[in-house]
Amino acid sequence: MIIHSAVPVRVRPATPDDRPTVERLWLLFRHDLSEFGGQLPNPDGTFRRERLEAAFNGDADWVPYLFSRGEHPVGFAFVRAAGGPTRVLNSFFVVHGARRAGVGSGAVREVVRRHPGEWAVAFQDANAGAVRFWRRVAEELAPGMWSEERRPVPGRADLAPDVWISFRYPGP
């Protein structure tokens, strides 16, 4: 039995010093996603990391976030196009031990609150947990004012289309 503590989730921009922690969480994230896309690790045990590299390359258009409970890292998010007309929640992850305890919902609300405006989030239909989570989050953040569509994965006709949820978050 897992008992979730009452320690609130802390969401903050990730710094270069946080990169090793986020890289380890990235491996867990990509491992989870391998269930839905069948992607295997590289020969060295890592997974593709273009988004991780982009999030930490110093480009102001990308903002990496780290989530923690107390001293424990519990997840991350990468915002792409932070200064553009539509922000993209490019990657979002919460470790299994912190799921279904409000950590993910609280973290995504805080990330979106920091970047009010138009948002888009992609996930896969095969990931039933993500489907439920993102529909619920969209309804909480933009009640009745969000949309969902399927878009082909660019350059990957062999993959099922991504599901994209779009909404506008006006801010406080």
N, C-alpha and C. Protein backbone atom coordinates (compact mmCIF):
# COMPACT_ATOMS: atom_id res chain seq x y z
N MET A 1 0.85 -1.17 0.00
CA MET A 1 0.00 0.00 0.00
C MET A 1 0.89 1.24 0.00
N ILE A 2 0.59 2.18 -0.87
CA ILE A 2 1.34 3.42 -0.95
C ILE A 2 0.52 4.51 -0.28
N ILE A 3 1.12 5.20 0.66
CA ILE A 3 0.44 6.31 1.32
C ILE A 3 1.08 7.59 0.82
N HIS A 4 0.26 8.46 0.25
CA HIS A 4 0.77 9.72 -0.28
C HIS A 4 0.78 10.75 0.84
N SER A 5 1.90 11.42 1.01
CA SER A 5 2.00 12.43 2.06
C SER A 5 1.26 13.69 1.65
N ALA A 6 1.06 14.55 2.62
CA ALA A 6 0.37 15.81 2.37
C ALA A 6 1.34 16.89 1.90
N VAL A 7 2.56 16.52 1.59
CA VAL A 7 3.54 17.49 1.13
C VAL A 7 3.10 18.01 -0.24
N PRO A 8 2.95 19.33 -0.38
CA PRO A 8 2.51 19.86 -1.67
C PRO A 8 3.58 19.72 -2.75
N VAL A 9 3.12 19.73 -3.99
CA VAL A 9 4.05 19.67 -5.11
C VAL A 9 4.62 21.08 -5.33
N ARG A 10 5.91 21.13 -5.56
CA ARG A 10 6.59 22.39 -5.87
C ARG A 10 6.94 22.36 -7.35
N VAL A 11 6.60 23.41 -8.06
CA VAL A 11 6.88 23.53 -9.49
C VAL A 11 7.78 24.74 -9.67
N ARG A 12 8.92 24.51 -10.30
CA ARG A 12 9.84 25.62 -10.54
C ARG A 12 10.58 25.41 -11.84
N PRO A 13 11.02 26.51 -12.46
CA PRO A 13 11.84 26.34 -13.66
C PRO A 13 13.08 25.52 -13.33
N ALA A 14 13.41 24.59 -14.20
CA ALA A 14 14.61 23.77 -14.03
C ALA A 14 15.82 24.58 -14.46
N THR A 15 16.88 24.46 -13.71
CA THR A 15 18.13 25.17 -14.01
C THR A 15 19.13 24.19 -14.62
N PRO A 16 20.23 24.70 -15.15
CA PRO A 16 21.27 23.78 -15.63
C PRO A 16 21.74 22.80 -14.55
N ASP A 17 21.73 23.21 -13.29
CA ASP A 17 22.13 22.30 -12.21
C ASP A 17 21.13 21.15 -12.04
N ASP A 18 19.88 21.36 -12.47
CA ASP A 18 18.84 20.32 -12.38
C ASP A 18 18.90 19.32 -13.53
N ARG A 19 19.69 19.64 -14.53
CA ARG A 19 19.69 18.80 -15.72
C ARG A 19 19.95 17.32 -15.44
N PRO A 20 20.94 16.94 -14.62
CA PRO A 20 21.13 15.50 -14.37
C PRO A 20 19.88 14.83 -13.78
N THR A 21 19.19 15.53 -12.91
CA THR A 21 17.96 14.98 -12.33
C THR A 21 16.90 14.81 -13.40
N VAL A 22 16.72 15.84 -14.22
CA VAL A 22 15.72 15.77 -15.29
C VAL A 22 16.10 14.69 -16.30
N GLU A 23 17.38 14.52 -16.58
CA GLU A 23 17.81 13.46 -17.51
C GLU A 23 17.43 12.08 -16.98
N ARG A 24 17.56 11.87 -15.68
CA ARG A 24 17.16 10.57 -15.12
C ARG A 24 15.65 10.39 -15.19
N LEU A 25 14.92 11.46 -14.89
CA LEU A 25 13.45 11.38 -15.02
C LEU A 25 13.05 11.17 -16.48
N TRP A 26 13.81 11.75 -17.41
CA TRP A 26 13.55 11.60 -18.84
C TRP A 26 13.58 10.12 -19.24
N LEU A 27 14.56 9.38 -18.70
CA LEU A 27 14.64 7.95 -19.02
C LEU A 27 13.38 7.21 -18.56
N LEU A 28 12.87 7.57 -17.39
CA LEU A 28 11.63 6.95 -16.91
C LEU A 28 10.45 7.31 -17.81
N PHE A 29 10.38 8.57 -18.21
CA PHE A 29 9.34 9.07 -19.11
C PHE A 29 9.35 8.31 -20.44
N ARG A 30 10.53 8.23 -21.06
CA ARG A 30 10.62 7.56 -22.36
C ARG A 30 10.35 6.06 -22.21
N HIS A 31 10.75 5.48 -21.10
CA HIS A 31 10.44 4.07 -20.84
C HIS A 31 8.92 3.89 -20.79
N ASP A 32 8.22 4.76 -20.07
CA ASP A 32 6.76 4.68 -20.01
C ASP A 32 6.15 4.79 -21.41
N LEU A 33 6.64 5.74 -22.21
CA LEU A 33 6.07 5.95 -23.55
C LEU A 33 6.40 4.80 -24.51
N SER A 34 7.45 4.05 -24.23
CA SER A 34 7.81 2.95 -25.13
C SER A 34 6.69 1.91 -25.21
N GLU A 35 5.86 1.85 -24.20
CA GLU A 35 4.71 0.93 -24.21
C GLU A 35 3.73 1.27 -25.34
N PHE A 36 3.65 2.53 -25.70
CA PHE A 36 2.65 2.96 -26.67
C PHE A 36 3.19 3.14 -28.07
N GLY A 37 4.51 3.33 -28.22
CA GLY A 37 5.08 3.49 -29.55
C GLY A 37 6.03 2.39 -29.94
N GLY A 38 6.35 1.52 -28.98
CA GLY A 38 7.24 0.42 -29.27
C GLY A 38 8.70 0.81 -29.45
N GLN A 39 9.06 2.05 -29.08
CA GLN A 39 10.44 2.48 -29.26
C GLN A 39 11.33 1.80 -28.23
N LEU A 40 12.40 1.21 -28.70
CA LEU A 40 13.38 0.55 -27.84
C LEU A 40 14.51 1.53 -27.51
N PRO A 41 15.22 1.28 -26.41
CA PRO A 41 16.35 2.16 -26.08
C PRO A 41 17.45 2.07 -27.14
N ASN A 42 18.27 3.10 -27.16
CA ASN A 42 19.47 3.10 -27.99
C ASN A 42 20.43 2.04 -27.45
N PRO A 43 21.46 1.68 -28.20
CA PRO A 43 22.41 0.67 -27.73
C PRO A 43 23.03 0.98 -26.36
N ASP A 44 23.13 2.28 -26.00
CA ASP A 44 23.73 2.64 -24.70
C ASP A 44 22.70 2.69 -23.57
N GLY A 45 21.45 2.30 -23.85
CA GLY A 45 20.41 2.28 -22.83
C GLY A 45 19.62 3.57 -22.69
N THR A 46 19.98 4.59 -23.46
CA THR A 46 19.24 5.85 -23.43
C THR A 46 18.13 5.80 -24.47
N PHE A 47 17.29 6.80 -24.43
CA PHE A 47 16.24 6.96 -25.43
C PHE A 47 16.50 8.26 -26.18
N ARG A 48 15.77 8.46 -27.26
CA ARG A 48 15.91 9.72 -28.00
C ARG A 48 15.72 10.89 -27.04
N ARG A 49 16.43 11.97 -27.31
CA ARG A 49 16.45 13.06 -26.34
C ARG A 49 16.44 14.44 -26.98
N GLU A 50 15.91 14.54 -28.19
CA GLU A 50 15.90 15.85 -28.85
C GLU A 50 15.17 16.90 -28.02
N ARG A 51 14.03 16.53 -27.43
CA ARG A 51 13.26 17.49 -26.64
C ARG A 51 14.01 17.88 -25.37
N LEU A 52 14.65 16.93 -24.75
CA LEU A 52 15.45 17.22 -23.56
C LEU A 52 16.56 18.21 -23.91
N GLU A 53 17.24 17.97 -25.01
CA GLU A 53 18.31 18.88 -25.44
C GLU A 53 17.75 20.27 -25.72
N ALA A 54 16.63 20.32 -26.43
CA ALA A 54 16.03 21.61 -26.77
C ALA A 54 15.62 22.38 -25.51
N ALA A 55 15.09 21.67 -24.52
CA ALA A 55 14.61 22.33 -23.31
C ALA A 55 15.75 22.97 -22.51
N PHE A 56 16.95 22.42 -22.64
CA PHE A 56 18.08 22.93 -21.87
C PHE A 56 19.11 23.67 -22.72
N ASN A 57 18.77 24.02 -23.95
CA ASN A 57 19.77 24.65 -24.82
C ASN A 57 19.86 26.17 -24.65
N GLY A 58 19.10 26.73 -23.73
CA GLY A 58 19.17 28.17 -23.50
C GLY A 58 18.24 28.99 -24.36
N ASP A 59 17.46 28.35 -25.22
CA ASP A 59 16.50 29.04 -26.07
C ASP A 59 15.32 29.50 -25.20
N ALA A 60 15.04 30.80 -25.23
CA ALA A 60 13.96 31.36 -24.41
C ALA A 60 12.59 30.83 -24.81
N ASP A 61 12.50 30.22 -25.98
CA ASP A 61 11.22 29.67 -26.44
C ASP A 61 10.87 28.37 -25.72
N TRP A 62 11.83 27.74 -25.07
CA TRP A 62 11.62 26.52 -24.31
C TRP A 62 11.80 26.81 -22.83
N VAL A 63 10.91 26.27 -22.00
CA VAL A 63 11.04 26.42 -20.55
C VAL A 63 10.87 25.05 -19.90
N PRO A 64 11.95 24.53 -19.29
CA PRO A 64 11.82 23.27 -18.56
C PRO A 64 11.40 23.54 -17.11
N TYR A 65 10.56 22.67 -16.59
CA TYR A 65 10.12 22.75 -15.19
C TYR A 65 10.45 21.44 -14.49
N LEU A 66 10.73 21.54 -13.20
CA LEU A 66 10.96 20.38 -12.35
C LEU A 66 9.92 20.40 -11.24
N PHE A 67 9.32 19.24 -10.97
CA PHE A 67 8.33 19.11 -9.90
C PHE A 67 8.98 18.33 -8.75
N SER A 68 8.68 18.74 -7.53
CA SER A 68 9.19 18.00 -6.38
C SER A 68 8.19 18.02 -5.25
N ARG A 69 8.32 17.01 -4.39
CA ARG A 69 7.58 16.94 -3.14
C ARG A 69 8.63 16.80 -2.06
N GLY A 70 8.75 17.82 -1.23
CA GLY A 70 9.85 17.82 -0.28
C GLY A 70 11.16 17.81 -1.04
N GLU A 71 12.04 16.91 -0.70
CA GLU A 71 13.34 16.83 -1.38
C GLU A 71 13.33 15.87 -2.56
N HIS A 72 12.17 15.29 -2.86
CA HIS A 72 12.09 14.26 -3.90
C HIS A 72 11.61 14.81 -5.24
N PRO A 73 12.40 14.65 -6.29
CA PRO A 73 11.91 15.03 -7.63
C PRO A 73 10.81 14.05 -8.04
N VAL A 74 9.70 14.58 -8.54
CA VAL A 74 8.57 13.71 -8.89
C VAL A 74 8.10 13.90 -10.33
N GLY A 75 8.70 14.81 -11.08
CA GLY A 75 8.29 14.96 -12.47
C GLY A 75 8.88 16.20 -13.11
N PHE A 76 8.47 16.39 -14.37
CA PHE A 76 8.95 17.54 -15.13
C PHE A 76 7.96 17.87 -16.24
N ALA A 77 8.13 19.05 -16.80
CA ALA A 77 7.38 19.48 -17.99
C ALA A 77 8.30 20.34 -18.83
N PHE A 78 8.12 20.27 -20.14
CA PHE A 78 8.82 21.15 -21.07
C PHE A 78 7.76 21.94 -21.82
N VAL A 79 7.86 23.26 -21.74
CA VAL A 79 6.98 24.14 -22.51
C VAL A 79 7.76 24.60 -23.73
N ARG A 80 7.16 24.38 -24.91
CA ARG A 80 7.77 24.85 -26.17
C ARG A 80 6.92 25.99 -26.69
N ALA A 81 7.54 26.90 -27.40
CA ALA A 81 6.85 28.08 -27.96
C ALA A 81 6.28 28.94 -26.84
N ALA A 82 7.04 29.07 -25.75
CA ALA A 82 6.57 29.83 -24.59
C ALA A 82 6.22 31.27 -24.95
N GLY A 83 6.91 31.83 -25.92
CA GLY A 83 6.63 33.21 -26.33
C GLY A 83 5.79 33.31 -27.58
N GLY A 84 5.35 32.17 -28.10
CA GLY A 84 4.59 32.16 -29.35
C GLY A 84 3.10 32.31 -29.13
N PRO A 85 2.35 32.26 -30.22
CA PRO A 85 0.90 32.41 -30.11
C PRO A 85 0.22 31.22 -29.42
N THR A 86 0.82 30.02 -29.52
CA THR A 86 0.28 28.84 -28.86
C THR A 86 1.42 28.12 -28.15
N ARG A 87 1.30 28.02 -26.84
CA ARG A 87 2.28 27.29 -26.06
C ARG A 87 2.00 25.80 -26.20
N VAL A 88 3.04 25.00 -26.26
CA VAL A 88 2.89 23.55 -26.40
C VAL A 88 3.48 22.89 -25.16
N LEU A 89 2.68 22.10 -24.48
CA LEU A 89 3.20 21.30 -23.38
C LEU A 89 3.83 20.09 -24.04
N ASN A 90 5.12 20.23 -24.33
CA ASN A 90 5.83 19.29 -25.18
C ASN A 90 6.09 17.95 -24.53
N SER A 91 6.40 17.96 -23.26
CA SER A 91 6.65 16.73 -22.50
C SER A 91 6.15 16.97 -21.09
N PHE A 92 5.51 15.96 -20.51
CA PHE A 92 4.97 16.07 -19.16
C PHE A 92 5.05 14.70 -18.52
N PHE A 93 5.63 14.65 -17.32
CA PHE A 93 5.83 13.36 -16.68
C PHE A 93 5.74 13.49 -15.17
N VAL A 94 5.08 12.50 -14.55
CA VAL A 94 5.03 12.36 -13.10
C VAL A 94 5.38 10.90 -12.79
N VAL A 95 6.29 10.68 -11.83
CA VAL A 95 6.70 9.32 -11.49
C VAL A 95 5.49 8.54 -10.95
N HIS A 96 5.50 7.24 -11.16
CA HIS A 96 4.38 6.39 -10.75
C HIS A 96 4.00 6.56 -9.29
N GLY A 97 4.98 6.66 -8.40
CA GLY A 97 4.70 6.76 -6.97
C GLY A 97 4.00 8.03 -6.55
N ALA A 98 3.92 9.03 -7.45
CA ALA A 98 3.26 10.30 -7.13
C ALA A 98 1.98 10.50 -7.94
N ARG A 99 1.63 9.52 -8.76
CA ARG A 99 0.43 9.65 -9.59
C ARG A 99 -0.84 9.38 -8.78
N ARG A 100 -1.92 9.91 -9.29
CA ARG A 100 -3.25 9.76 -8.69
C ARG A 100 -3.32 10.32 -7.26
N ALA A 101 -2.48 11.34 -7.02
CA ALA A 101 -2.48 12.01 -5.72
C ALA A 101 -2.61 13.52 -5.92
N GLY A 102 -2.96 13.96 -7.12
CA GLY A 102 -3.11 15.39 -7.41
C GLY A 102 -1.82 16.07 -7.83
N VAL A 103 -0.71 15.35 -7.86
CA VAL A 103 0.56 15.95 -8.24
C VAL A 103 0.53 16.45 -9.68
N GLY A 104 0.11 15.59 -10.60
CA GLY A 104 0.07 15.98 -12.01
C GLY A 104 -0.87 17.14 -12.27
N SER A 105 -2.08 17.06 -11.73
CA SER A 105 -3.05 18.15 -11.92
C SER A 105 -2.52 19.46 -11.36
N GLY A 106 -1.95 19.41 -10.15
CA GLY A 106 -1.41 20.62 -9.55
C GLY A 106 -0.25 21.19 -10.34
N ALA A 107 0.62 20.30 -10.81
CA ALA A 107 1.78 20.75 -11.57
C ALA A 107 1.37 21.38 -12.90
N VAL A 108 0.47 20.74 -13.62
CA VAL A 108 0.09 21.31 -14.92
C VAL A 108 -0.66 22.63 -14.73
N ARG A 109 -1.48 22.74 -13.70
CA ARG A 109 -2.16 24.02 -13.44
C ARG A 109 -1.13 25.13 -13.20
N GLU A 110 -0.09 24.82 -12.43
CA GLU A 110 0.92 25.83 -12.13
C GLU A 110 1.72 26.20 -13.38
N VAL A 111 2.09 25.23 -14.19
CA VAL A 111 2.84 25.52 -15.43
C VAL A 111 1.99 26.39 -16.36
N VAL A 112 0.75 26.02 -16.56
CA VAL A 112 -0.13 26.79 -17.45
C VAL A 112 -0.38 28.19 -16.90
N ARG A 113 -0.56 28.30 -15.59
CA ARG A 113 -0.79 29.61 -14.97
C ARG A 113 0.37 30.56 -15.26
N ARG A 114 1.57 30.03 -15.34
CA ARG A 114 2.75 30.87 -15.59
C ARG A 114 2.85 31.36 -17.03
N HIS A 115 2.06 30.77 -17.93
CA HIS A 115 2.11 31.12 -19.36
C HIS A 115 0.68 31.23 -19.90
N PRO A 116 -0.09 32.22 -19.45
CA PRO A 116 -1.48 32.31 -19.91
C PRO A 116 -1.55 32.51 -21.43
N GLY A 117 -2.63 32.01 -22.01
CA GLY A 117 -2.85 32.13 -23.44
C GLY A 117 -3.30 30.82 -24.04
N GLU A 118 -3.04 30.66 -25.32
CA GLU A 118 -3.44 29.45 -26.06
C GLU A 118 -2.46 28.32 -25.74
N TRP A 119 -3.02 27.10 -25.59
CA TRP A 119 -2.22 25.92 -25.26
C TRP A 119 -2.59 24.74 -26.15
N ALA A 120 -1.63 23.86 -26.38
CA ALA A 120 -1.85 22.60 -27.08
C ALA A 120 -1.04 21.51 -26.38
N VAL A 121 -1.66 20.35 -26.24
CA VAL A 121 -1.03 19.19 -25.60
C VAL A 121 -1.30 17.97 -26.46
N ALA A 122 -0.27 17.19 -26.75
CA ALA A 122 -0.44 15.98 -27.56
C ALA A 122 -0.23 14.73 -26.69
N PHE A 123 -0.97 13.69 -27.03
CA PHE A 123 -0.81 12.38 -26.38
C PHE A 123 -1.34 11.32 -27.33
N GLN A 124 -1.24 10.06 -26.94
CA GLN A 124 -1.67 8.95 -27.80
C GLN A 124 -2.96 8.34 -27.26
N ASP A 125 -3.87 8.01 -28.17
CA ASP A 125 -5.13 7.35 -27.81
C ASP A 125 -4.90 6.05 -27.04
N ALA A 126 -3.82 5.34 -27.37
CA ALA A 126 -3.54 4.06 -26.72
C ALA A 126 -3.19 4.22 -25.25
N ASN A 127 -2.82 5.42 -24.84
CA ASN A 127 -2.45 5.69 -23.45
C ASN A 127 -3.70 6.15 -22.70
N ALA A 128 -4.48 5.18 -22.23
CA ALA A 128 -5.78 5.47 -21.60
C ALA A 128 -5.65 6.42 -20.41
N GLY A 129 -4.58 6.28 -19.63
CA GLY A 129 -4.38 7.18 -18.50
C GLY A 129 -4.20 8.62 -18.95
N ALA A 130 -3.42 8.82 -20.01
CA ALA A 130 -3.20 10.17 -20.54
C ALA A 130 -4.49 10.73 -21.11
N VAL A 131 -5.27 9.90 -21.79
CA VAL A 131 -6.54 10.36 -22.35
C VAL A 131 -7.42 10.91 -21.24
N ARG A 132 -7.61 10.14 -20.18
CA ARG A 132 -8.45 10.59 -19.05
C ARG A 132 -7.87 11.84 -18.39
N PHE A 133 -6.56 11.81 -18.14
CA PHE A 133 -5.91 12.93 -17.46
C PHE A 133 -6.06 14.23 -18.24
N TRP A 134 -5.69 14.22 -19.53
CA TRP A 134 -5.69 15.47 -20.29
C TRP A 134 -7.10 15.99 -20.56
N ARG A 135 -8.06 15.12 -20.75
CA ARG A 135 -9.45 15.59 -20.89
C ARG A 135 -9.93 16.24 -19.60
N ARG A 136 -9.61 15.63 -18.47
CA ARG A 136 -10.02 16.19 -17.18
C ARG A 136 -9.33 17.54 -16.95
N VAL A 137 -8.02 17.61 -17.21
CA VAL A 137 -7.28 18.86 -17.01
C VAL A 137 -7.83 19.95 -17.92
N ALA A 138 -8.09 19.65 -19.17
CA ALA A 138 -8.63 20.65 -20.10
C ALA A 138 -9.96 21.19 -19.60
N GLU A 139 -10.80 20.30 -19.10
CA GLU A 139 -12.11 20.74 -18.59
C GLU A 139 -11.95 21.60 -17.34
N GLU A 140 -10.98 21.27 -16.50
CA GLU A 140 -10.73 22.08 -15.29
C GLU A 140 -10.19 23.46 -15.65
N LEU A 141 -9.30 23.53 -16.62
CA LEU A 141 -8.66 24.79 -16.97
C LEU A 141 -9.50 25.66 -17.90
N ALA A 142 -10.31 25.04 -18.74
CA ALA A 142 -11.12 25.79 -19.72
C ALA A 142 -12.48 25.10 -19.86
N PRO A 143 -13.33 25.17 -18.83
CA PRO A 143 -14.59 24.43 -18.83
C PRO A 143 -15.42 24.67 -20.09
N GLY A 144 -15.65 23.57 -20.83
CA GLY A 144 -16.47 23.63 -22.05
C GLY A 144 -15.85 24.38 -23.20
N MET A 145 -14.62 24.84 -23.05
CA MET A 145 -14.00 25.68 -24.07
C MET A 145 -12.69 25.08 -24.59
N TRP A 146 -12.64 23.78 -24.72
CA TRP A 146 -11.44 23.12 -25.24
C TRP A 146 -11.85 22.23 -26.41
N SER A 147 -10.88 21.89 -27.22
CA SER A 147 -11.16 21.03 -28.38
C SER A 147 -10.14 19.91 -28.44
N GLU A 148 -10.51 18.89 -29.20
CA GLU A 148 -9.66 17.73 -29.36
C GLU A 148 -9.66 17.33 -30.83
N GLU A 149 -8.48 17.03 -31.37
CA GLU A 149 -8.39 16.57 -32.75
C GLU A 149 -7.23 15.59 -32.89
N ARG A 150 -7.28 14.78 -33.92
CA ARG A 150 -6.21 13.85 -34.23
C ARG A 150 -5.40 14.40 -35.40
N ARG A 151 -4.06 14.36 -35.24
CA ARG A 151 -3.17 14.86 -36.29
C ARG A 151 -2.12 13.80 -36.58
N PRO A 152 -1.81 13.58 -37.85
CA PRO A 152 -0.75 12.62 -38.18
C PRO A 152 0.58 13.05 -37.55
N VAL A 153 1.38 12.07 -37.19
CA VAL A 153 2.72 12.34 -36.66
C VAL A 153 3.60 12.66 -37.86
N PRO A 154 4.19 13.87 -37.92
CA PRO A 154 5.00 14.25 -39.09
C PRO A 154 6.10 13.24 -39.38
N GLY A 155 6.14 12.79 -40.64
CA GLY A 155 7.18 11.87 -41.09
C GLY A 155 7.05 10.46 -40.55
N ARG A 156 5.92 10.12 -39.91
CA ARG A 156 5.76 8.79 -39.32
C ARG A 156 4.38 8.23 -39.68
N ALA A 157 4.19 7.92 -40.93
CA ALA A 157 2.92 7.36 -41.38
C ALA A 157 2.62 6.00 -40.72
N ASP A 158 3.66 5.36 -40.17
CA ASP A 158 3.50 4.06 -39.53
C ASP A 158 2.87 4.17 -38.13
N LEU A 159 2.80 5.38 -37.58
CA LEU A 159 2.25 5.58 -36.23
C LEU A 159 0.81 6.08 -36.28
N ALA A 160 0.07 5.73 -35.26
CA ALA A 160 -1.29 6.27 -35.12
C ALA A 160 -1.20 7.78 -34.92
N PRO A 161 -2.20 8.51 -35.37
CA PRO A 161 -2.16 9.97 -35.18
C PRO A 161 -2.10 10.33 -33.69
N ASP A 162 -1.48 11.47 -33.39
CA ASP A 162 -1.49 11.99 -32.03
C ASP A 162 -2.85 12.64 -31.78
N VAL A 163 -3.27 12.63 -30.54
CA VAL A 163 -4.45 13.37 -30.11
C VAL A 163 -3.94 14.70 -29.57
N TRP A 164 -4.53 15.79 -30.03
CA TRP A 164 -4.15 17.12 -29.57
C TRP A 164 -5.34 17.75 -28.87
N ILE A 165 -5.12 18.22 -27.67
CA ILE A 165 -6.12 19.01 -26.95
C ILE A 165 -5.65 20.45 -26.97
N SER A 166 -6.57 21.35 -27.30
CA SER A 166 -6.26 22.78 -27.34
C SER A 166 -7.23 23.53 -26.44
N PHE A 167 -6.71 24.55 -25.76
CA PHE A 167 -7.55 25.37 -24.90
C PHE A 167 -6.88 26.71 -24.68
N ARG A 168 -7.65 27.64 -24.16
CA ARG A 168 -7.11 28.95 -23.80
C ARG A 168 -7.21 29.10 -22.30
N TYR A 169 -6.09 29.48 -21.68
CA TYR A 169 -6.10 29.74 -20.25
C TYR A 169 -5.88 31.24 -20.07
N PRO A 170 -6.89 31.92 -19.55
CA PRO A 170 -6.81 33.39 -19.50
C PRO A 170 -5.92 33.96 -18.41
N GLY A 171 -5.52 33.15 -17.45
CA GLY A 171 -4.73 33.67 -16.35
C GLY A 171 -5.62 33.95 -15.15
N PRO A 172 -5.02 34.46 -14.08
CA PRO A 172 -5.78 34.69 -12.85
C PRO A 172 -6.84 35.76 -12.99
